[in-house]
N, C-alpha and C. Protein backbone atom coordinates (compact mmCIF):
# COMPACT_ATOMS: atom_id res chain seq x y z
N MET A 1 -30.10 16.44 15.95
CA MET A 1 -29.01 16.97 15.16
C MET A 1 -29.18 16.49 13.71
N PRO A 2 -29.15 17.40 12.73
CA PRO A 2 -29.29 16.99 11.33
C PRO A 2 -28.17 16.03 10.93
N SER A 3 -28.44 15.20 9.94
CA SER A 3 -27.47 14.17 9.55
C SER A 3 -26.17 14.76 9.01
N ILE A 4 -26.23 15.91 8.32
CA ILE A 4 -25.00 16.53 7.80
C ILE A 4 -24.11 16.97 8.96
N GLU A 5 -24.72 17.61 9.96
CA GLU A 5 -23.94 18.05 11.11
C GLU A 5 -23.38 16.85 11.88
N LYS A 6 -24.16 15.79 11.98
CA LYS A 6 -23.70 14.60 12.67
C LYS A 6 -22.51 13.99 11.94
N SER A 7 -22.55 13.96 10.63
CA SER A 7 -21.44 13.38 9.87
C SER A 7 -20.17 14.22 10.02
N LYS A 8 -20.30 15.55 10.12
CA LYS A 8 -19.13 16.41 10.34
C LYS A 8 -18.51 16.10 11.70
N VAL A 9 -19.34 15.89 12.70
CA VAL A 9 -18.85 15.55 14.04
C VAL A 9 -18.15 14.20 14.00
N ASP A 10 -18.72 13.24 13.29
CA ASP A 10 -18.12 11.91 13.16
C ASP A 10 -16.74 11.99 12.51
N VAL A 11 -16.62 12.81 11.46
CA VAL A 11 -15.33 12.97 10.78
C VAL A 11 -14.30 13.59 11.72
N LYS A 12 -14.69 14.62 12.46
CA LYS A 12 -13.77 15.26 13.39
C LYS A 12 -13.30 14.26 14.45
N ASN A 13 -14.21 13.46 14.96
CA ASN A 13 -13.85 12.45 15.96
C ASN A 13 -12.93 11.39 15.36
N TRP A 14 -13.20 10.99 14.14
CA TRP A 14 -12.40 9.99 13.45
C TRP A 14 -10.98 10.52 13.24
N ILE A 15 -10.85 11.77 12.83
CA ILE A 15 -9.54 12.36 12.55
C ILE A 15 -8.72 12.49 13.84
N LYS A 16 -9.37 12.71 14.97
CA LYS A 16 -8.66 12.80 16.24
C LYS A 16 -7.91 11.51 16.58
N LEU A 17 -8.36 10.39 16.05
CA LEU A 17 -7.75 9.09 16.34
C LEU A 17 -6.45 8.87 15.56
N LEU A 18 -6.20 9.65 14.53
CA LEU A 18 -5.01 9.47 13.71
C LEU A 18 -3.80 10.09 14.37
N ASP A 19 -2.62 9.51 14.10
CA ASP A 19 -1.40 10.13 14.62
C ASP A 19 -1.03 11.32 13.72
N PRO A 20 -0.13 12.19 14.16
CA PRO A 20 0.18 13.41 13.39
C PRO A 20 0.65 13.16 11.96
N THR A 21 1.41 12.11 11.75
CA THR A 21 1.89 11.80 10.39
C THR A 21 0.73 11.38 9.50
N GLU A 22 -0.19 10.59 10.04
CA GLU A 22 -1.37 10.18 9.27
C GLU A 22 -2.24 11.40 8.95
N LYS A 23 -2.40 12.29 9.93
CA LYS A 23 -3.19 13.50 9.70
C LYS A 23 -2.58 14.34 8.59
N ARG A 24 -1.25 14.49 8.61
CA ARG A 24 -0.57 15.30 7.58
C ARG A 24 -0.72 14.63 6.22
N THR A 25 -0.65 13.33 6.16
CA THR A 25 -0.82 12.61 4.89
C THR A 25 -2.22 12.83 4.34
N ILE A 26 -3.23 12.71 5.19
CA ILE A 26 -4.62 12.95 4.78
C ILE A 26 -4.77 14.39 4.30
N GLN A 27 -4.13 15.32 5.01
CA GLN A 27 -4.20 16.73 4.62
C GLN A 27 -3.58 16.95 3.24
N LEU A 28 -2.43 16.34 2.97
CA LEU A 28 -1.78 16.48 1.67
C LEU A 28 -2.64 15.92 0.54
N ILE A 29 -3.25 14.77 0.79
CA ILE A 29 -4.13 14.17 -0.23
C ILE A 29 -5.32 15.09 -0.48
N THR A 30 -5.90 15.62 0.58
CA THR A 30 -7.05 16.51 0.46
C THR A 30 -6.68 17.79 -0.29
N GLU A 31 -5.53 18.37 0.02
CA GLU A 31 -5.09 19.60 -0.64
C GLU A 31 -4.85 19.40 -2.14
N ASN A 32 -4.62 18.17 -2.55
CA ASN A 32 -4.37 17.86 -3.95
C ASN A 32 -5.58 17.19 -4.60
N ASN A 33 -6.75 17.57 -4.18
CA ASN A 33 -8.02 17.07 -4.75
C ASN A 33 -8.16 15.55 -4.70
N GLY A 34 -7.61 14.95 -3.67
CA GLY A 34 -7.81 13.52 -3.47
C GLY A 34 -6.86 12.62 -4.22
N ARG A 35 -5.87 13.19 -4.92
CA ARG A 35 -4.92 12.38 -5.68
C ARG A 35 -3.54 13.02 -5.57
N ILE A 36 -2.54 12.23 -5.18
CA ILE A 36 -1.17 12.73 -5.04
C ILE A 36 -0.22 11.56 -5.25
N THR A 37 0.97 11.84 -5.73
CA THR A 37 1.95 10.76 -5.89
C THR A 37 2.63 10.49 -4.56
N GLN A 38 3.05 9.27 -4.40
CA GLN A 38 3.77 8.89 -3.19
C GLN A 38 5.08 9.67 -3.11
N ALA A 39 5.70 9.94 -4.25
CA ALA A 39 6.96 10.69 -4.27
C ALA A 39 6.78 12.10 -3.71
N LYS A 40 5.66 12.73 -4.03
CA LYS A 40 5.41 14.08 -3.54
C LYS A 40 5.24 14.10 -2.02
N ILE A 41 4.57 13.10 -1.49
CA ILE A 41 4.42 13.00 -0.04
C ILE A 41 5.80 12.72 0.59
N SER A 42 6.59 11.87 -0.04
CA SER A 42 7.90 11.49 0.47
C SER A 42 8.85 12.66 0.56
N ARG A 43 8.71 13.64 -0.33
CA ARG A 43 9.57 14.81 -0.29
C ARG A 43 9.40 15.59 1.02
N GLU A 44 8.22 15.48 1.59
CA GLU A 44 7.96 16.21 2.83
C GLU A 44 8.32 15.41 4.08
N MET A 45 8.13 14.09 4.03
CA MET A 45 8.27 13.30 5.26
C MET A 45 9.31 12.19 5.21
N GLY A 46 9.87 11.90 4.08
CA GLY A 46 10.83 10.81 3.97
C GLY A 46 10.18 9.53 3.47
N LYS A 47 10.94 8.78 2.69
CA LYS A 47 10.40 7.60 2.00
C LYS A 47 9.92 6.50 2.94
N VAL A 48 10.73 6.15 3.93
CA VAL A 48 10.38 5.03 4.81
C VAL A 48 9.15 5.36 5.65
N LYS A 49 9.13 6.55 6.23
CA LYS A 49 7.99 6.95 7.06
C LYS A 49 6.71 6.98 6.24
N VAL A 50 6.80 7.55 5.03
CA VAL A 50 5.62 7.63 4.16
C VAL A 50 5.15 6.23 3.77
N PHE A 51 6.07 5.35 3.44
CA PHE A 51 5.69 3.99 3.08
C PHE A 51 4.91 3.33 4.22
N MET A 52 5.41 3.47 5.45
CA MET A 52 4.75 2.83 6.60
C MET A 52 3.37 3.45 6.85
N VAL A 53 3.28 4.77 6.77
CA VAL A 53 1.99 5.44 6.99
C VAL A 53 0.98 5.04 5.92
N LEU A 54 1.42 5.01 4.66
CA LEU A 54 0.51 4.65 3.57
C LEU A 54 0.03 3.21 3.70
N GLU A 55 0.91 2.32 4.14
CA GLU A 55 0.51 0.93 4.34
C GLU A 55 -0.56 0.83 5.43
N LYS A 56 -0.39 1.59 6.52
CA LYS A 56 -1.40 1.58 7.60
C LYS A 56 -2.74 2.11 7.09
N LEU A 57 -2.70 3.22 6.36
CA LEU A 57 -3.94 3.81 5.83
C LEU A 57 -4.59 2.89 4.80
N LYS A 58 -3.78 2.22 4.01
CA LYS A 58 -4.30 1.27 3.01
C LYS A 58 -4.95 0.07 3.70
N LYS A 59 -4.30 -0.43 4.74
CA LYS A 59 -4.83 -1.58 5.48
C LYS A 59 -6.18 -1.24 6.12
N ARG A 60 -6.35 0.01 6.55
CA ARG A 60 -7.61 0.46 7.14
C ARG A 60 -8.67 0.77 6.10
N GLY A 61 -8.28 0.77 4.83
CA GLY A 61 -9.25 1.03 3.76
C GLY A 61 -9.49 2.51 3.49
N ILE A 62 -8.59 3.38 3.97
CA ILE A 62 -8.77 4.82 3.80
C ILE A 62 -8.26 5.27 2.44
N ILE A 63 -7.16 4.68 1.99
CA ILE A 63 -6.57 5.06 0.71
C ILE A 63 -6.41 3.85 -0.21
N GLU A 64 -6.12 4.14 -1.46
CA GLU A 64 -5.74 3.13 -2.44
C GLU A 64 -4.44 3.56 -3.07
N LYS A 65 -3.58 2.58 -3.37
CA LYS A 65 -2.34 2.84 -4.10
C LYS A 65 -2.52 2.31 -5.50
N ILE A 66 -2.25 3.15 -6.48
CA ILE A 66 -2.37 2.75 -7.87
C ILE A 66 -0.99 2.90 -8.51
N LYS A 67 -0.45 1.80 -9.01
CA LYS A 67 0.87 1.83 -9.65
C LYS A 67 0.77 2.64 -10.93
N GLU A 68 1.61 3.66 -11.03
CA GLU A 68 1.59 4.53 -12.21
C GLU A 68 3.03 4.76 -12.64
N LYS A 69 3.46 4.04 -13.67
CA LYS A 69 4.84 4.07 -14.16
C LYS A 69 5.80 3.76 -13.02
N LYS A 70 6.68 4.71 -12.65
CA LYS A 70 7.68 4.43 -11.62
C LYS A 70 7.27 4.89 -10.22
N THR A 71 6.09 5.39 -10.06
CA THR A 71 5.64 5.84 -8.75
C THR A 71 4.24 5.31 -8.46
N ASN A 72 3.76 5.56 -7.28
CA ASN A 72 2.41 5.17 -6.89
C ASN A 72 1.54 6.41 -6.79
N LEU A 73 0.36 6.31 -7.32
CA LEU A 73 -0.63 7.37 -7.15
C LEU A 73 -1.46 7.00 -5.92
N ILE A 74 -1.58 7.94 -5.02
CA ILE A 74 -2.33 7.72 -3.78
C ILE A 74 -3.63 8.48 -3.88
N LYS A 75 -4.74 7.80 -3.61
CA LYS A 75 -6.05 8.44 -3.63
C LYS A 75 -6.91 7.87 -2.53
N PHE A 76 -7.93 8.62 -2.17
CA PHE A 76 -8.87 8.11 -1.18
C PHE A 76 -9.64 6.94 -1.76
N SER A 77 -9.92 5.96 -0.93
CA SER A 77 -10.77 4.85 -1.36
C SER A 77 -12.20 5.38 -1.51
N ASP A 78 -13.04 4.62 -2.16
CA ASP A 78 -14.42 5.05 -2.38
C ASP A 78 -15.12 5.37 -1.06
N LYS A 79 -14.85 4.58 -0.04
CA LYS A 79 -15.53 4.81 1.25
C LYS A 79 -14.98 6.01 2.00
N SER A 80 -13.82 6.54 1.58
CA SER A 80 -13.20 7.68 2.27
C SER A 80 -13.28 8.99 1.49
N GLU A 81 -13.94 8.97 0.35
CA GLU A 81 -14.02 10.19 -0.46
C GLU A 81 -14.77 11.31 0.24
N PHE A 82 -15.53 10.99 1.27
CA PHE A 82 -16.26 12.02 2.02
C PHE A 82 -15.29 13.04 2.62
N LEU A 83 -14.03 12.68 2.77
CA LEU A 83 -13.04 13.60 3.33
C LEU A 83 -12.79 14.81 2.42
N LEU A 84 -13.12 14.66 1.14
CA LEU A 84 -12.93 15.75 0.19
C LEU A 84 -14.08 16.76 0.26
N LYS A 85 -15.23 16.33 0.75
CA LYS A 85 -16.38 17.21 0.81
C LYS A 85 -16.26 18.13 2.00
N LYS A 86 -16.59 19.38 1.78
CA LYS A 86 -16.46 20.36 2.86
C LYS A 86 -17.77 20.63 3.53
């Protein structure tokens, strides 16, 4: 199996391990070119739930939180930027 195809399979398997809220968060970040404010995510899922999900993803090294004025900018970490590639 070529390495590109293998990496696509690895990503699909990795995404299956996430809970639905984490999957939706990853999807929102991806839809916004890898950068989205925490407030924008919170409008869809609620502040407390989003905070907990983002902390879990941050702890796993999937995302980074960057303080930007009164909100946080959420982006994929360097090791997770492959999620943006199609």
